[in-house]
Amino acid sequence: MDWIQTAILSVLITFVGFMIQRGIKKRDANAEKREQQRSDSMMLVVKGVDVSVSLSEATAISLQRGKCNGEVSKALEKTEEYNKEKELYYQKLQAENAISK
């Protein structure tokens, strides 16, 4: 009878250990996912600042020279590309959040 109790206890301890290990792996995977999202988000912010500076610089140059040249057009194209990239990023996040819930 004593060996039955030992076997049951051993199975329970193994099961609890497995569940704890599974929870740790899941938490680590979620942490890696959040870190990647944070990194992607920061990259998007940096690109946004770059676009803003480019547009401001092109505007200042065109005001200083009194005429609009290709710099403003290039800056506006860069802004449009950034807006498209940002929209795709937000759609990707929404899709991932919808799937994970």
N, C-alpha and C. Protein backbone atom coordinates (compact mmCIF):
# COMPACT_ATOMS: atom_id res chain seq x y z
N MET A 1 0.82 -1.19 0.00
CA MET A 1 0.00 0.00 0.00
C MET A 1 0.87 1.26 0.00
N ASP A 2 2.00 1.18 0.66
CA ASP A 2 2.91 2.32 0.76
C ASP A 2 3.47 2.70 -0.62
N TRP A 3 3.75 1.73 -1.46
CA TRP A 3 4.30 2.01 -2.79
C TRP A 3 3.26 2.68 -3.70
N ILE A 4 1.97 2.42 -3.47
CA ILE A 4 0.91 3.06 -4.25
C ILE A 4 0.86 4.55 -3.92
N GLN A 5 0.95 4.87 -2.65
CA GLN A 5 0.96 6.27 -2.24
C GLN A 5 2.18 7.00 -2.80
N THR A 6 3.30 6.32 -2.78
CA THR A 6 4.53 6.91 -3.32
C THR A 6 4.39 7.15 -4.83
N ALA A 7 3.80 6.22 -5.53
CA ALA A 7 3.61 6.35 -6.98
C ALA A 7 2.66 7.50 -7.29
N ILE A 8 1.56 7.59 -6.55
CA ILE A 8 0.60 8.68 -6.76
C ILE A 8 1.24 10.03 -6.46
N LEU A 9 1.99 10.11 -5.38
CA LEU A 9 2.68 11.34 -5.02
C LEU A 9 3.71 11.72 -6.10
N SER A 10 4.41 10.75 -6.60
CA SER A 10 5.40 10.99 -7.65
C SER A 10 4.74 11.52 -8.91
N VAL A 11 3.60 10.96 -9.29
CA VAL A 11 2.87 11.42 -10.48
C VAL A 11 2.38 12.85 -10.27
N LEU A 12 1.86 13.14 -9.09
CA LEU A 12 1.39 14.49 -8.80
C LEU A 12 2.52 15.52 -8.85
N ILE A 13 3.65 15.19 -8.26
CA ILE A 13 4.78 16.11 -8.26
C ILE A 13 5.28 16.34 -9.69
N THR A 14 5.34 15.27 -10.47
CA THR A 14 5.75 15.40 -11.87
C THR A 14 4.78 16.28 -12.64
N PHE A 15 3.49 16.11 -12.43
CA PHE A 15 2.49 16.90 -13.11
C PHE A 15 2.59 18.37 -12.73
N VAL A 16 2.75 18.65 -11.45
CA VAL A 16 2.89 20.03 -10.99
C VAL A 16 4.16 20.66 -11.58
N GLY A 17 5.25 19.92 -11.59
CA GLY A 17 6.49 20.42 -12.19
C GLY A 17 6.32 20.72 -13.67
N PHE A 18 5.61 19.85 -14.37
CA PHE A 18 5.34 20.06 -15.79
C PHE A 18 4.52 21.32 -16.00
N MET A 19 3.51 21.52 -15.20
CA MET A 19 2.64 22.69 -15.34
C MET A 19 3.42 23.99 -15.05
N ILE A 20 4.28 23.95 -14.06
CA ILE A 20 5.09 25.13 -13.74
C ILE A 20 6.04 25.44 -14.89
N GLN A 21 6.68 24.41 -15.42
CA GLN A 21 7.60 24.60 -16.55
C GLN A 21 6.88 25.13 -17.77
N ARG A 22 5.68 24.63 -18.01
CA ARG A 22 4.87 25.09 -19.15
C ARG A 22 4.52 26.57 -18.99
N GLY A 23 4.14 26.96 -17.77
CA GLY A 23 3.82 28.36 -17.50
C GLY A 23 5.02 29.27 -17.70
N ILE A 24 6.19 28.83 -17.29
CA ILE A 24 7.40 29.62 -17.46
C ILE A 24 7.72 29.80 -18.94
N LYS A 25 7.61 28.73 -19.73
CA LYS A 25 7.88 28.83 -21.16
C LYS A 25 6.89 29.78 -21.84
N LYS A 26 5.64 29.70 -21.44
CA LYS A 26 4.61 30.57 -22.02
C LYS A 26 4.89 32.03 -21.68
N ARG A 27 5.27 32.28 -20.44
CA ARG A 27 5.58 33.63 -20.01
C ARG A 27 6.79 34.18 -20.77
N ASP A 28 7.82 33.34 -20.96
CA ASP A 28 9.00 33.76 -21.71
C ASP A 28 8.67 34.07 -23.16
N ALA A 29 7.82 33.26 -23.76
CA ALA A 29 7.41 33.49 -25.16
C ALA A 29 6.65 34.81 -25.27
N ASN A 30 5.77 35.07 -24.31
CA ASN A 30 5.02 36.34 -24.32
C ASN A 30 5.95 37.53 -24.11
N ALA A 31 6.96 37.37 -23.26
CA ALA A 31 7.91 38.45 -23.02
C ALA A 31 8.71 38.75 -24.29
N GLU A 32 9.11 37.71 -25.01
CA GLU A 32 9.84 37.91 -26.26
C GLU A 32 8.96 38.61 -27.29
N LYS A 33 7.70 38.23 -27.35
CA LYS A 33 6.77 38.85 -28.29
C LYS A 33 6.59 40.33 -27.96
N ARG A 34 6.41 40.65 -26.67
CA ARG A 34 6.26 42.04 -26.26
C ARG A 34 7.52 42.85 -26.57
N GLU A 35 8.67 42.25 -26.36
CA GLU A 35 9.93 42.93 -26.64
C GLU A 35 10.07 43.22 -28.13
N GLN A 36 9.68 42.28 -28.97
CA GLN A 36 9.73 42.50 -30.41
C GLN A 36 8.77 43.61 -30.83
N GLN A 37 7.57 43.61 -30.25
CA GLN A 37 6.60 44.67 -30.55
C GLN A 37 7.12 46.03 -30.09
N ARG A 38 7.76 46.05 -28.94
CA ARG A 38 8.32 47.30 -28.42
C ARG A 38 9.43 47.81 -29.35
N SER A 39 10.25 46.89 -29.82
CA SER A 39 11.33 47.25 -30.73
C SER A 39 10.78 47.79 -32.05
N ASP A 40 9.77 47.10 -32.60
CA ASP A 40 9.14 47.55 -33.85
C ASP A 40 8.50 48.92 -33.67
N SER A 41 7.85 49.11 -32.55
CA SER A 41 7.19 50.38 -32.26
C SER A 41 8.22 51.52 -32.15
N MET A 42 9.33 51.25 -31.49
CA MET A 42 10.36 52.27 -31.35
C MET A 42 10.97 52.61 -32.70
N MET A 43 11.15 51.61 -33.55
CA MET A 43 11.68 51.86 -34.89
C MET A 43 10.73 52.75 -35.68
N LEU A 44 9.43 52.51 -35.53
CA LEU A 44 8.43 53.31 -36.21
C LEU A 44 8.46 54.76 -35.70
N VAL A 45 8.66 54.94 -34.41
CA VAL A 45 8.76 56.29 -33.84
C VAL A 45 9.97 57.01 -34.41
N VAL A 46 11.10 56.31 -34.48
CA VAL A 46 12.32 56.93 -35.01
C VAL A 46 12.11 57.33 -36.47
N LYS A 47 11.48 56.46 -37.25
CA LYS A 47 11.20 56.79 -38.65
C LYS A 47 10.26 58.00 -38.74
N GLY A 48 9.28 58.06 -37.84
CA GLY A 48 8.36 59.19 -37.83
C GLY A 48 9.06 60.50 -37.54
N VAL A 49 10.00 60.48 -36.62
CA VAL A 49 10.77 61.68 -36.31
C VAL A 49 11.62 62.08 -37.52
N ASP A 50 12.22 61.09 -38.16
CA ASP A 50 13.02 61.37 -39.36
C ASP A 50 12.17 62.01 -40.45
N VAL A 51 10.99 61.49 -40.67
CA VAL A 51 10.08 62.04 -41.68
C VAL A 51 9.69 63.47 -41.31
N SER A 52 9.40 63.69 -40.06
CA SER A 52 9.01 65.02 -39.60
C SER A 52 10.13 66.03 -39.80
N VAL A 53 11.35 65.63 -39.47
CA VAL A 53 12.49 66.52 -39.65
C VAL A 53 12.72 66.80 -41.13
N SER A 54 12.60 65.79 -41.97
CA SER A 54 12.78 65.97 -43.42
C SER A 54 11.76 66.96 -43.98
N LEU A 55 10.51 66.80 -43.56
CA LEU A 55 9.46 67.69 -44.03
C LEU A 55 9.67 69.12 -43.52
N SER A 56 10.06 69.25 -42.28
CA SER A 56 10.33 70.59 -41.72
C SER A 56 11.50 71.26 -42.43
N GLU A 57 12.55 70.49 -42.68
CA GLU A 57 13.71 71.04 -43.36
C GLU A 57 13.37 71.47 -44.78
N ALA A 58 12.62 70.63 -45.49
CA ALA A 58 12.22 70.98 -46.86
C ALA A 58 11.35 72.22 -46.88
N THR A 59 10.46 72.35 -45.91
CA THR A 59 9.60 73.52 -45.83
C THR A 59 10.42 74.77 -45.55
N ALA A 60 11.37 74.67 -44.64
CA ALA A 60 12.21 75.82 -44.30
C ALA A 60 13.05 76.25 -45.51
N ILE A 61 13.59 75.28 -46.24
CA ILE A 61 14.39 75.61 -47.42
C ILE A 61 13.53 76.29 -48.48
N SER A 62 12.33 75.75 -48.69
CA SER A 62 11.45 76.35 -49.71
C SER A 62 11.01 77.76 -49.31
N LEU A 63 10.79 77.99 -48.02
CA LEU A 63 10.43 79.34 -47.57
C LEU A 63 11.61 80.29 -47.70
N GLN A 64 12.79 79.80 -47.40
CA GLN A 64 13.98 80.63 -47.47
C GLN A 64 14.28 81.04 -48.92
N ARG A 65 14.12 80.11 -49.83
CA ARG A 65 14.42 80.39 -51.23
C ARG A 65 13.25 81.06 -51.96
N GLY A 66 12.10 81.00 -51.37
CA GLY A 66 10.93 81.63 -51.97
C GLY A 66 10.30 80.82 -53.09
N LYS A 67 10.71 79.59 -53.25
CA LYS A 67 10.11 78.73 -54.27
C LYS A 67 10.13 77.28 -53.79
N CYS A 68 9.19 76.56 -54.29
CA CYS A 68 9.04 75.15 -53.93
C CYS A 68 9.78 74.31 -54.97
N ASN A 69 10.72 73.51 -54.52
CA ASN A 69 11.44 72.66 -55.46
C ASN A 69 11.19 71.19 -55.12
N GLY A 70 12.01 70.32 -55.61
CA GLY A 70 11.81 68.88 -55.43
C GLY A 70 11.96 68.39 -54.01
N GLU A 71 12.56 69.19 -53.14
CA GLU A 71 12.78 68.75 -51.76
C GLU A 71 11.47 68.52 -51.03
N VAL A 72 10.54 69.41 -51.22
CA VAL A 72 9.24 69.28 -50.56
C VAL A 72 8.50 68.06 -51.09
N SER A 73 8.56 67.86 -52.40
CA SER A 73 7.90 66.69 -52.99
C SER A 73 8.49 65.40 -52.45
N LYS A 74 9.82 65.34 -52.34
CA LYS A 74 10.48 64.15 -51.79
C LYS A 74 10.07 63.92 -50.34
N ALA A 75 10.01 65.00 -49.58
CA ALA A 75 9.63 64.88 -48.18
C ALA A 75 8.18 64.41 -48.05
N LEU A 76 7.31 64.90 -48.92
CA LEU A 76 5.91 64.45 -48.88
C LEU A 76 5.78 62.98 -49.27
N GLU A 77 6.58 62.53 -50.24
CA GLU A 77 6.58 61.11 -50.61
C GLU A 77 7.05 60.25 -49.44
N LYS A 78 8.08 60.73 -48.76
CA LYS A 78 8.59 60.03 -47.59
C LYS A 78 7.52 59.95 -46.50
N THR A 79 6.76 61.02 -46.34
CA THR A 79 5.67 61.05 -45.36
C THR A 79 4.58 60.05 -45.72
N GLU A 80 4.22 59.99 -47.00
CA GLU A 80 3.20 59.04 -47.43
C GLU A 80 3.65 57.60 -47.21
N GLU A 81 4.92 57.30 -47.53
CA GLU A 81 5.46 55.95 -47.30
C GLU A 81 5.41 55.61 -45.81
N TYR A 82 5.79 56.57 -44.97
CA TYR A 82 5.76 56.35 -43.54
C TYR A 82 4.34 56.07 -43.05
N ASN A 83 3.38 56.86 -43.54
CA ASN A 83 1.99 56.65 -43.12
C ASN A 83 1.47 55.28 -43.52
N LYS A 84 1.85 54.81 -44.71
CA LYS A 84 1.45 53.47 -45.14
C LYS A 84 2.08 52.40 -44.25
N GLU A 85 3.38 52.56 -43.95
CA GLU A 85 4.08 51.61 -43.10
C GLU A 85 3.46 51.57 -41.70
N LYS A 86 3.14 52.76 -41.19
CA LYS A 86 2.54 52.85 -39.86
C LYS A 86 1.18 52.16 -39.83
N GLU A 87 0.38 52.38 -40.87
CA GLU A 87 -0.95 51.75 -40.95
C GLU A 87 -0.82 50.22 -41.01
N LEU A 88 0.13 49.73 -41.79
CA LEU A 88 0.35 48.28 -41.87
C LEU A 88 0.78 47.72 -40.52
N TYR A 89 1.61 48.45 -39.80
CA TYR A 89 2.06 48.01 -38.48
C TYR A 89 0.88 47.91 -37.51
N TYR A 90 0.02 48.93 -37.54
CA TYR A 90 -1.14 48.90 -36.64
C TYR A 90 -2.11 47.78 -37.01
N GLN A 91 -2.28 47.53 -38.29
CA GLN A 91 -3.15 46.42 -38.72
C GLN A 91 -2.57 45.09 -38.27
N LYS A 92 -1.26 44.95 -38.36
CA LYS A 92 -0.59 43.72 -37.92
C LYS A 92 -0.81 43.51 -36.42
N LEU A 93 -0.66 44.58 -35.64
CA LEU A 93 -0.87 44.48 -34.19
C LEU A 93 -2.32 44.10 -33.86
N GLN A 94 -3.26 44.71 -34.57
CA GLN A 94 -4.67 44.39 -34.34
C GLN A 94 -4.97 42.94 -34.67
N ALA A 95 -4.40 42.45 -35.76
CA ALA A 95 -4.61 41.06 -36.14
C ALA A 95 -4.01 40.11 -35.11
N GLU A 96 -2.81 40.40 -34.65
CA GLU A 96 -2.17 39.56 -33.64
C GLU A 96 -2.96 39.57 -32.33
N ASN A 97 -3.47 40.72 -31.94
CA ASN A 97 -4.25 40.80 -30.71
C ASN A 97 -5.59 40.06 -30.85
N ALA A 98 -6.18 40.13 -32.03
CA ALA A 98 -7.45 39.43 -32.25
C ALA A 98 -7.25 37.92 -32.20
N ILE A 99 -6.13 37.45 -32.74
CA ILE A 99 -5.85 36.02 -32.77
C ILE A 99 -5.51 35.51 -31.36
N SER A 100 -4.77 36.30 -30.59
CA SER A 100 -4.33 35.84 -29.29
C SER A 100 -5.43 35.84 -28.23
N LYS A 101 -6.53 36.52 -28.50
CA LYS A 101 -7.61 36.57 -27.50
C LYS A 101 -8.55 35.46 -27.66
